[in-house]
Amino acid sequence: MSVLDPEIDKLTNCWIPNLPKAHEKSVVLGSARVLYPVADPEQTAAILAEHILEVARRAYQQGRRAAKEEIRKALFNGQHL
């Protein structure tokens, strides 16, 4: 019987002798990229999601600015796209 958690022992009939520690968590980013170990994966995932959204928003805005500049050049400078 493990001394870590008697409730887990009861539920698993002592089948799980050692529970993973809090630092043994990860955040899966996709494309075979994993952040490991992470102490608080929920908070880390939320921060990463917010950061990725901001990066995507900035990239989109930069693409729009570049497209508008190309249109201005084509209209006012007589250049073809």
PDB file of N, CA and C in Angstrom:
ATOM      1  N   MET A   1       0.842  -1.173   0.000  1.00  0.00           N
ATOM      2  CA  MET A   1       0.000   0.000   0.000  1.00  0.00           C
ATOM      3  C   MET A   1       0.893   1.244   0.000  1.00  0.00           C
ATOM      4  N   SER A   2       0.584   2.167  -0.897  1.00  0.00           N
ATOM      5  CA  SER A   2       1.403   3.376  -0.941  1.00  0.00           C
ATOM      6  C   SER A   2       0.938   4.355   0.130  1.00  0.00           C
ATOM      7  N   VAL A   3       1.862   5.142   0.596  1.00  0.00           N
ATOM      8  CA  VAL A   3       1.540   6.127   1.621  1.00  0.00           C
ATOM      9  C   VAL A   3       1.169   7.463   0.993  1.00  0.00           C
ATOM     10  N   LEU A   4       1.225   7.540  -0.336  1.00  0.00           N
ATOM     11  CA  LEU A   4       0.938   8.807  -0.999  1.00  0.00           C
ATOM     12  C   LEU A   4      -0.540   9.168  -0.945  1.00  0.00           C
ATOM     13  N   ASP A   5      -1.398   8.255  -1.329  1.00  0.00           N
ATOM     14  CA  ASP A   5      -2.821   8.566  -1.395  1.00  0.00           C
ATOM     15  C   ASP A   5      -3.641   7.302  -1.161  1.00  0.00           C
ATOM     16  N   PRO A   6      -4.217   7.155   0.019  1.00  0.00           N
ATOM     17  CA  PRO A   6      -5.007   5.956   0.312  1.00  0.00           C
ATOM     18  C   PRO A   6      -6.232   5.847  -0.597  1.00  0.00           C
ATOM     19  N   GLU A   7      -6.780   6.967  -1.061  1.00  0.00           N
ATOM     20  CA  GLU A   7      -7.946   6.921  -1.947  1.00  0.00           C
ATOM     21  C   GLU A   7      -7.585   6.279  -3.288  1.00  0.00           C
ATOM     22  N   ILE A   8      -6.407   6.619  -3.812  1.00  0.00           N
ATOM     23  CA  ILE A   8      -5.943   5.996  -5.063  1.00  0.00           C
ATOM     24  C   ILE A   8      -5.711   4.505  -4.843  1.00  0.00           C
ATOM     25  N   ASP A   9      -5.127   4.148  -3.704  1.00  0.00           N
ATOM     26  CA  ASP A   9      -4.928   2.728  -3.391  1.00  0.00           C
ATOM     27  C   ASP A   9      -6.253   1.991  -3.383  1.00  0.00           C
ATOM     28  N   LYS A  10      -7.248   2.613  -2.805  1.00  0.00           N
ATOM     29  CA  LYS A  10      -8.563   1.978  -2.715  1.00  0.00           C
ATOM     30  C   LYS A  10      -9.187   1.823  -4.102  1.00  0.00           C
ATOM     31  N   LEU A  11      -9.080   2.881  -4.921  1.00  0.00           N
ATOM     32  CA  LEU A  11      -9.689   2.842  -6.243  1.00  0.00           C
ATOM     33  C   LEU A  11      -8.978   1.898  -7.210  1.00  0.00           C
ATOM     34  N   THR A  12      -7.669   1.766  -7.062  1.00  0.00           N
ATOM     35  CA  THR A  12      -6.893   0.951  -8.002  1.00  0.00           C
ATOM     36  C   THR A  12      -6.433  -0.381  -7.413  1.00  0.00           C
ATOM     37  N   ASN A  13      -6.851  -0.667  -6.166  1.00  0.00           N
ATOM     38  CA  ASN A  13      -6.425  -1.888  -5.481  1.00  0.00           C
ATOM     39  C   ASN A  13      -4.899  -1.965  -5.421  1.00  0.00           C
ATOM     40  N   CYS A  14      -4.270  -0.832  -5.092  1.00  0.00           N
ATOM     41  CA  CYS A  14      -2.812  -0.696  -4.962  1.00  0.00           C
ATOM     42  C   CYS A  14      -2.066  -0.960  -6.269  1.00  0.00           C
ATOM     43  N   TRP A  15      -2.749  -0.845  -7.376  1.00  0.00           N
ATOM     44  CA  TRP A  15      -2.106  -1.125  -8.661  1.00  0.00           C
ATOM     45  C   TRP A  15      -1.164  -0.002  -9.077  1.00  0.00           C
ATOM     46  N   ILE A  16      -1.447   1.238  -8.657  1.00  0.00           N
ATOM     47  CA  ILE A  16      -0.583   2.367  -8.988  1.00  0.00           C
ATOM     48  C   ILE A  16       0.242   2.701  -7.751  1.00  0.00           C
ATOM     49  N   PRO A  17       1.470   2.211  -7.686  1.00  0.00           N
ATOM     50  CA  PRO A  17       2.264   2.427  -6.487  1.00  0.00           C
ATOM     51  C   PRO A  17       2.819   3.847  -6.366  1.00  0.00           C
ATOM     52  N   ASN A  18       3.135   4.483  -7.491  1.00  0.00           N
ATOM     53  CA  ASN A  18       3.722   5.823  -7.463  1.00  0.00           C
ATOM     54  C   ASN A  18       2.970   6.727  -8.422  1.00  0.00           C
ATOM     55  N   LEU A  19       2.486   7.822  -7.897  1.00  0.00           N
ATOM     56  CA  LEU A  19       1.813   8.797  -8.739  1.00  0.00           C
ATOM     57  C   LEU A  19       2.844   9.728  -9.371  1.00  0.00           C
ATOM     58  N   PRO A  20       2.572  10.217 -10.578  1.00  0.00           N
ATOM     59  CA  PRO A  20       3.518  11.162 -11.178  1.00  0.00           C
ATOM     60  C   PRO A  20       3.563  12.458 -10.388  1.00  0.00           C
ATOM     61  N   LYS A  21       4.716  13.086 -10.378  1.00  0.00           N
ATOM     62  CA  LYS A  21       4.878  14.357  -9.694  1.00  0.00           C
ATOM     63  C   LYS A  21       4.322  15.483 -10.571  1.00  0.00           C
ATOM     64  N   ALA A  22       4.068  16.611  -9.940  1.00  0.00           N
ATOM     65  CA  ALA A  22       3.472  17.738 -10.662  1.00  0.00           C
ATOM     66  C   ALA A  22       4.347  18.209 -11.818  1.00  0.00           C
ATOM     67  N   HIS A  23       5.677  18.099 -11.688  1.00  0.00           N
ATOM     68  CA  HIS A  23       6.546  18.574 -12.756  1.00  0.00           C
ATOM     69  C   HIS A  23       6.613  17.610 -13.934  1.00  0.00           C
ATOM     70  N   GLU A  24       5.976  16.471 -13.822  1.00  0.00           N
ATOM     71  CA  GLU A  24       5.987  15.509 -14.916  1.00  0.00           C
ATOM     72  C   GLU A  24       4.780  15.711 -15.830  1.00  0.00           C
ATOM     73  N   LYS A  25       4.535  16.949 -16.215  1.00  0.00           N
ATOM     74  CA  LYS A  25       3.441  17.287 -17.109  1.00  0.00           C
ATOM     75  C   LYS A  25       4.022  17.961 -18.330  1.00  0.00           C
ATOM     76  N   SER A  26       3.253  18.000 -19.382  1.00  0.00           N
ATOM     77  CA  SER A  26       3.739  18.624 -20.600  1.00  0.00           C
ATOM     78  C   SER A  26       2.595  19.322 -21.315  1.00  0.00           C
ATOM     79  N   VAL A  27       2.959  20.183 -22.241  1.00  0.00           N
ATOM     80  CA  VAL A  27       2.010  20.829 -23.128  1.00  0.00           C
ATOM     81  C   VAL A  27       2.408  20.429 -24.538  1.00  0.00           C
ATOM     82  N   VAL A  28       1.487  19.810 -25.268  1.00  0.00           N
ATOM     83  CA  VAL A  28       1.754  19.372 -26.631  1.00  0.00           C
ATOM     84  C   VAL A  28       1.423  20.518 -27.575  1.00  0.00           C
ATOM     85  N   LEU A  29       2.416  20.933 -28.355  1.00  0.00           N
ATOM     86  CA  LEU A  29       2.242  22.047 -29.271  1.00  0.00           C
ATOM     87  C   LEU A  29       1.809  21.593 -30.655  1.00  0.00           C
ATOM     88  N   GLY A  30       1.985  20.341 -30.977  1.00  0.00           N
ATOM     89  CA  GLY A  30       1.710  19.833 -32.314  1.00  0.00           C
ATOM     90  C   GLY A  30       2.993  19.740 -33.110  1.00  0.00           C
ATOM     91  N   SER A  31       2.933  19.040 -34.224  1.00  0.00           N
ATOM     92  CA  SER A  31       4.104  18.848 -35.089  1.00  0.00           C
ATOM     93  C   SER A  31       5.283  18.273 -34.308  1.00  0.00           C
ATOM     94  N   ALA A  32       5.005  17.347 -33.426  1.00  0.00           N
ATOM     95  CA  ALA A  32       6.016  16.647 -32.621  1.00  0.00           C
ATOM     96  C   ALA A  32       6.775  17.585 -31.696  1.00  0.00           C
ATOM     97  N   ARG A  33       6.149  18.692 -31.304  1.00  0.00           N
ATOM     98  CA  ARG A  33       6.773  19.617 -30.358  1.00  0.00           C
ATOM     99  C   ARG A  33       6.044  19.533 -29.033  1.00  0.00           C
ATOM    100  N   VAL A  34       6.806  19.306 -27.979  1.00  0.00           N
ATOM    101  CA  VAL A  34       6.226  19.170 -26.651  1.00  0.00           C
ATOM    102  C   VAL A  34       7.076  19.964 -25.662  1.00  0.00           C
ATOM    103  N   LEU A  35       6.407  20.739 -24.813  1.00  0.00           N
ATOM    104  CA  LEU A  35       7.102  21.410 -23.716  1.00  0.00           C
ATOM    105  C   LEU A  35       7.069  20.466 -22.524  1.00  0.00           C
ATOM    106  N   TYR A  36       8.220  20.108 -22.014  1.00  0.00           N
ATOM    107  CA  TYR A  36       8.291  19.148 -20.913  1.00  0.00           C
ATOM    108  C   TYR A  36       9.516  19.438 -20.086  1.00  0.00           C
ATOM    109  N   PRO A  37       9.492  19.437 -18.824  1.00  0.00           N
ATOM    110  CA  PRO A  37       8.332  19.391 -17.929  1.00  0.00           C
ATOM    111  C   PRO A  37       7.725  20.776 -17.725  1.00  0.00           C
ATOM    112  N   VAL A  38       6.467  20.808 -17.408  1.00  0.00           N
ATOM    113  CA  VAL A  38       5.731  22.043 -17.149  1.00  0.00           C
ATOM    114  C   VAL A  38       4.997  21.873 -15.830  1.00  0.00           C
ATOM    115  N   ALA A  39       5.201  22.804 -14.922  1.00  0.00           N
ATOM    116  CA  ALA A  39       4.578  22.696 -13.600  1.00  0.00           C
ATOM    117  C   ALA A  39       3.075  22.928 -13.661  1.00  0.00           C
ATOM    118  N   ASP A  40       2.618  23.859 -14.511  1.00  0.00           N
ATOM    119  CA  ASP A  40       1.195  24.180 -14.606  1.00  0.00           C
ATOM    120  C   ASP A  40       0.793  24.195 -16.077  1.00  0.00           C
ATOM    121  N   PRO A  41       0.451  23.035 -16.656  1.00  0.00           N
ATOM    122  CA  PRO A  41       0.190  22.967 -18.089  1.00  0.00           C
ATOM    123  C   PRO A  41      -1.021  23.788 -18.539  1.00  0.00           C
ATOM    124  N   GLU A  42      -2.039  23.913 -17.694  1.00  0.00           N
ATOM    125  CA  GLU A  42      -3.217  24.680 -18.095  1.00  0.00           C
ATOM    126  C   GLU A  42      -2.868  26.154 -18.285  1.00  0.00           C
ATOM    127  N   GLN A  43      -2.142  26.714 -17.342  1.00  0.00           N
ATOM    128  CA  GLN A  43      -1.757  28.120 -17.445  1.00  0.00           C
ATOM    129  C   GLN A  43      -0.786  28.324 -18.611  1.00  0.00           C
ATOM    130  N   THR A  44       0.157  27.406 -18.776  1.00  0.00           N
ATOM    131  CA  THR A  44       1.115  27.520 -19.876  1.00  0.00           C
ATOM    132  C   THR A  44       0.400  27.446 -21.220  1.00  0.00           C
ATOM    133  N   ALA A  45      -0.557  26.539 -21.358  1.00  0.00           N
ATOM    134  CA  ALA A  45      -1.313  26.416 -22.605  1.00  0.00           C
ATOM    135  C   ALA A  45      -2.117  27.684 -22.881  1.00  0.00           C
ATOM    136  N   ALA A  46      -2.702  28.271 -21.846  1.00  0.00           N
ATOM    137  CA  ALA A  46      -3.466  29.509 -22.026  1.00  0.00           C
ATOM    138  C   ALA A  46      -2.560  30.655 -22.475  1.00  0.00           C
ATOM    139  N   ILE A  47      -1.387  30.769 -21.865  1.00  0.00           N
ATOM    140  CA  ILE A  47      -0.435  31.819 -22.248  1.00  0.00           C
ATOM    141  C   ILE A  47       0.022  31.617 -23.685  1.00  0.00           C
ATOM    142  N   LEU A  48       0.326  30.374 -24.054  1.00  0.00           N
ATOM    143  CA  LEU A  48       0.775  30.095 -25.420  1.00  0.00           C
ATOM    144  C   LEU A  48      -0.329  30.378 -26.433  1.00  0.00           C
ATOM    145  N   ALA A  49      -1.570  30.018 -26.107  1.00  0.00           N
ATOM    146  CA  ALA A  49      -2.685  30.268 -27.020  1.00  0.00           C
ATOM    147  C   ALA A  49      -2.862  31.770 -27.245  1.00  0.00           C
ATOM    148  N   GLU A  50      -2.756  32.550 -26.195  1.00  0.00           N
ATOM    149  CA  GLU A  50      -2.874  34.003 -26.306  1.00  0.00           C
ATOM    150  C   GLU A  50      -1.740  34.574 -27.154  1.00  0.00           C
ATOM    151  N   HIS A  51      -0.532  34.081 -26.929  1.00  0.00           N
ATOM    152  CA  HIS A  51       0.629  34.547 -27.680  1.00  0.00           C
ATOM    153  C   HIS A  51       0.494  34.192 -29.168  1.00  0.00           C
ATOM    154  N   ILE A  52       0.082  32.985 -29.458  1.00  0.00           N
ATOM    155  CA  ILE A  52      -0.069  32.547 -30.850  1.00  0.00           C
ATOM    156  C   ILE A  52      -1.132  33.369 -31.560  1.00  0.00           C
ATOM    157  N   LEU A  53      -2.228  33.664 -30.857  1.00  0.00           N
ATOM    158  CA  LEU A  53      -3.279  34.494 -31.447  1.00  0.00           C
ATOM    159  C   LEU A  53      -2.756  35.886 -31.777  1.00  0.00           C
ATOM    160  N   GLU A  54      -1.967  36.463 -30.887  1.00  0.00           N
ATOM    161  CA  GLU A  54      -1.402  37.788 -31.128  1.00  0.00           C
ATOM    162  C   GLU A  54      -0.412  37.763 -32.304  1.00  0.00           C
ATOM    163  N   VAL A  55       0.408  36.735 -32.388  1.00  0.00           N
ATOM    164  CA  VAL A  55       1.350  36.607 -33.508  1.00  0.00           C
ATOM    165  C   VAL A  55       0.587  36.458 -34.824  1.00  0.00           C
ATOM    166  N   ALA A  56      -0.462  35.648 -34.829  1.00  0.00           N
ATOM    167  CA  ALA A  56      -1.263  35.467 -36.045  1.00  0.00           C
ATOM    168  C   ALA A  56      -1.941  36.769 -36.448  1.00  0.00           C
ATOM    169  N   ARG A  57      -2.444  37.512 -35.471  1.00  0.00           N
ATOM    170  CA  ARG A  57      -3.100  38.789 -35.758  1.00  0.00           C
ATOM    171  C   ARG A  57      -2.100  39.770 -36.372  1.00  0.00           C
ATOM    172  N   ARG A  58      -0.907  39.837 -35.809  1.00  0.00           N
ATOM    173  CA  ARG A  58       0.104  40.752 -36.348  1.00  0.00           C
ATOM    174  C   ARG A  58       0.541  40.350 -37.754  1.00  0.00           C
ATOM    175  N   ALA A  59       0.698  39.054 -37.998  1.00  0.00           N
ATOM    176  CA  ALA A  59       1.083  38.581 -39.327  1.00  0.00           C
ATOM    177  C   ALA A  59      -0.001  38.914 -40.348  1.00  0.00           C
ATOM    178  N   TYR A  60      -1.249  38.723 -39.953  1.00  0.00           N
ATOM    179  CA  TYR A  60      -2.365  39.061 -40.845  1.00  0.00           C
ATOM    180  C   TYR A  60      -2.362  40.549 -41.173  1.00  0.00           C
ATOM    181  N   GLN A  61      -2.194  41.388 -40.154  1.00  0.00           N
ATOM    182  CA  GLN A  61      -2.178  42.843 -40.376  1.00  0.00           C
ATOM    183  C   GLN A  61      -1.016  43.249 -41.277  1.00  0.00           C
ATOM    184  N   GLN A  62       0.138  42.645 -41.070  1.00  0.00           N
ATOM    185  CA  GLN A  62       1.299  42.959 -41.905  1.00  0.00           C
ATOM    186  C   GLN A  62       1.043  42.528 -43.348  1.00  0.00           C
ATOM    187  N   GLY A  63       0.409  41.386 -43.536  1.00  0.00           N
ATOM    188  CA  GLY A  63       0.056  40.933 -44.886  1.00  0.00           C
ATOM    189  C   GLY A  63      -0.916  41.878 -45.561  1.00  0.00           C
ATOM    190  N   ARG A  64      -1.886  42.377 -44.803  1.00  0.00           N
ATOM    191  CA  ARG A  64      -2.842  43.348 -45.366  1.00  0.00           C
ATOM    192  C   ARG A  64      -2.134  44.636 -45.763  1.00  0.00           C
ATOM    193  N   ARG A  65      -1.230  45.113 -44.900  1.00  0.00           N
ATOM    194  CA  ARG A  65      -0.496  46.340 -45.227  1.00  0.00           C
ATOM    195  C   ARG A  65       0.333  46.143 -46.501  1.00  0.00           C
ATOM    196  N   ALA A  66       0.985  45.004 -46.621  1.00  0.00           N
ATOM    197  CA  ALA A  66       1.800  44.730 -47.813  1.00  0.00           C
ATOM    198  C   ALA A  66       0.923  44.648 -49.059  1.00  0.00           C
ATOM    199  N   ALA A  67      -0.235  44.021 -48.944  1.00  0.00           N
ATOM    200  CA  ALA A  67      -1.139  43.914 -50.095  1.00  0.00           C
ATOM    201  C   ALA A  67      -1.656  45.290 -50.501  1.00  0.00           C
ATOM    202  N   LYS A  68      -2.012  46.124 -49.521  1.00  0.00           N
ATOM    203  CA  LYS A  68      -2.483  47.474 -49.829  1.00  0.00           C
ATOM    204  C   LYS A  68      -1.389  48.292 -50.523  1.00  0.00           C
ATOM    205  N   GLU A  69      -0.162  48.112 -50.067  1.00  0.00           N
ATOM    206  CA  GLU A  69       0.958  48.829 -50.685  1.00  0.00           C
ATOM    207  C   GLU A  69       1.137  48.391 -52.140  1.00  0.00           C
ATOM    208  N   GLU A  70       0.999  47.114 -52.403  1.00  0.00           N
ATOM    209  CA  GLU A  70       1.103  46.610 -53.786  1.00  0.00           C
ATOM    210  C   GLU A  70      -0.014  47.183 -54.647  1.00  0.00           C
ATOM    211  N   ILE A  71      -1.215  47.280 -54.091  1.00  0.00           N
ATOM    212  CA  ILE A  71      -2.339  47.841 -54.841  1.00  0.00           C
ATOM    213  C   ILE A  71      -2.093  49.324 -55.134  1.00  0.00           C
ATOM    214  N   ARG A  72      -1.594  50.052 -54.117  1.00  0.00           N
ATOM    215  CA  ARG A  72      -1.280  51.479 -54.333  1.00  0.00           C
ATOM    216  C   ARG A  72      -0.244  51.649 -55.444  1.00  0.00           C
ATOM    217  N   LYS A  73       0.792  50.819 -55.413  1.00  0.00           N
ATOM    218  CA  LYS A  73       1.822  50.903 -56.453  1.00  0.00           C
ATOM    219  C   LYS A  73       1.224  50.649 -57.826  1.00  0.00           C
ATOM    220  N   ALA A  74       0.365  49.633 -57.910  1.00  0.00           N
ATOM    221  CA  ALA A  74      -0.236  49.301 -59.208  1.00  0.00           C
ATOM    222  C   ALA A  74      -1.162  50.422 -59.709  1.00  0.00           C
ATOM    223  N   LEU A  75      -1.909  51.024 -58.803  1.00  0.00           N
ATOM    224  CA  LEU A  75      -2.855  52.060 -59.212  1.00  0.00           C
ATOM    225  C   LEU A  75      -2.185  53.375 -59.527  1.00  0.00           C
ATOM    226  N   PHE A  76      -1.252  53.791 -58.702  1.00  0.00           N
ATOM    227  CA  PHE A  76      -0.718  55.148 -58.832  1.00  0.00           C
ATOM    228  C   PHE A  76       0.620  55.223 -59.559  1.00  0.00           C
ATOM    229  N   ASN A  77       1.324  54.116 -59.645  1.00  0.00           N
ATOM    230  CA  ASN A  77       2.611  54.133 -60.338  1.00  0.00           C
ATOM    231  C   ASN A  77       2.540  53.449 -61.692  1.00  0.00           C
ATOM    232  N   GLY A  78       1.376  52.926 -62.033  1.00  0.00           N
ATOM    233  CA  GLY A  78       1.229  52.262 -63.326  1.00  0.00           C
ATOM    234  C   GLY A  78       1.905  50.904 -63.375  1.00  0.00           C
ATOM    235  N   GLN A  79       2.268  50.342 -62.224  1.00  0.00           N
ATOM    236  CA  GLN A  79       2.914  49.033 -62.218  1.00  0.00           C
ATOM    237  C   GLN A  79       1.848  47.946 -62.202  1.00  0.00           C
ATOM    238  N   HIS A  80       2.200  46.826 -62.773  1.00  0.00           N
ATOM    239  CA  HIS A  80       1.295  45.671 -62.769  1.00  0.00           C
ATOM    240  C   HIS A  80       1.636  44.751 -61.617  1.00  0.00           C
ATOM    241  N   LEU A  81       0.630  44.133 -61.084  1.00  0.00           N
ATOM    242  CA  LEU A  81       0.844  43.215 -59.949  1.00  0.00           C
ATOM    243  C   LEU A  81       1.592  41.996 -60.363  1.00  0.00           C
TER     244      LEU A  81
END
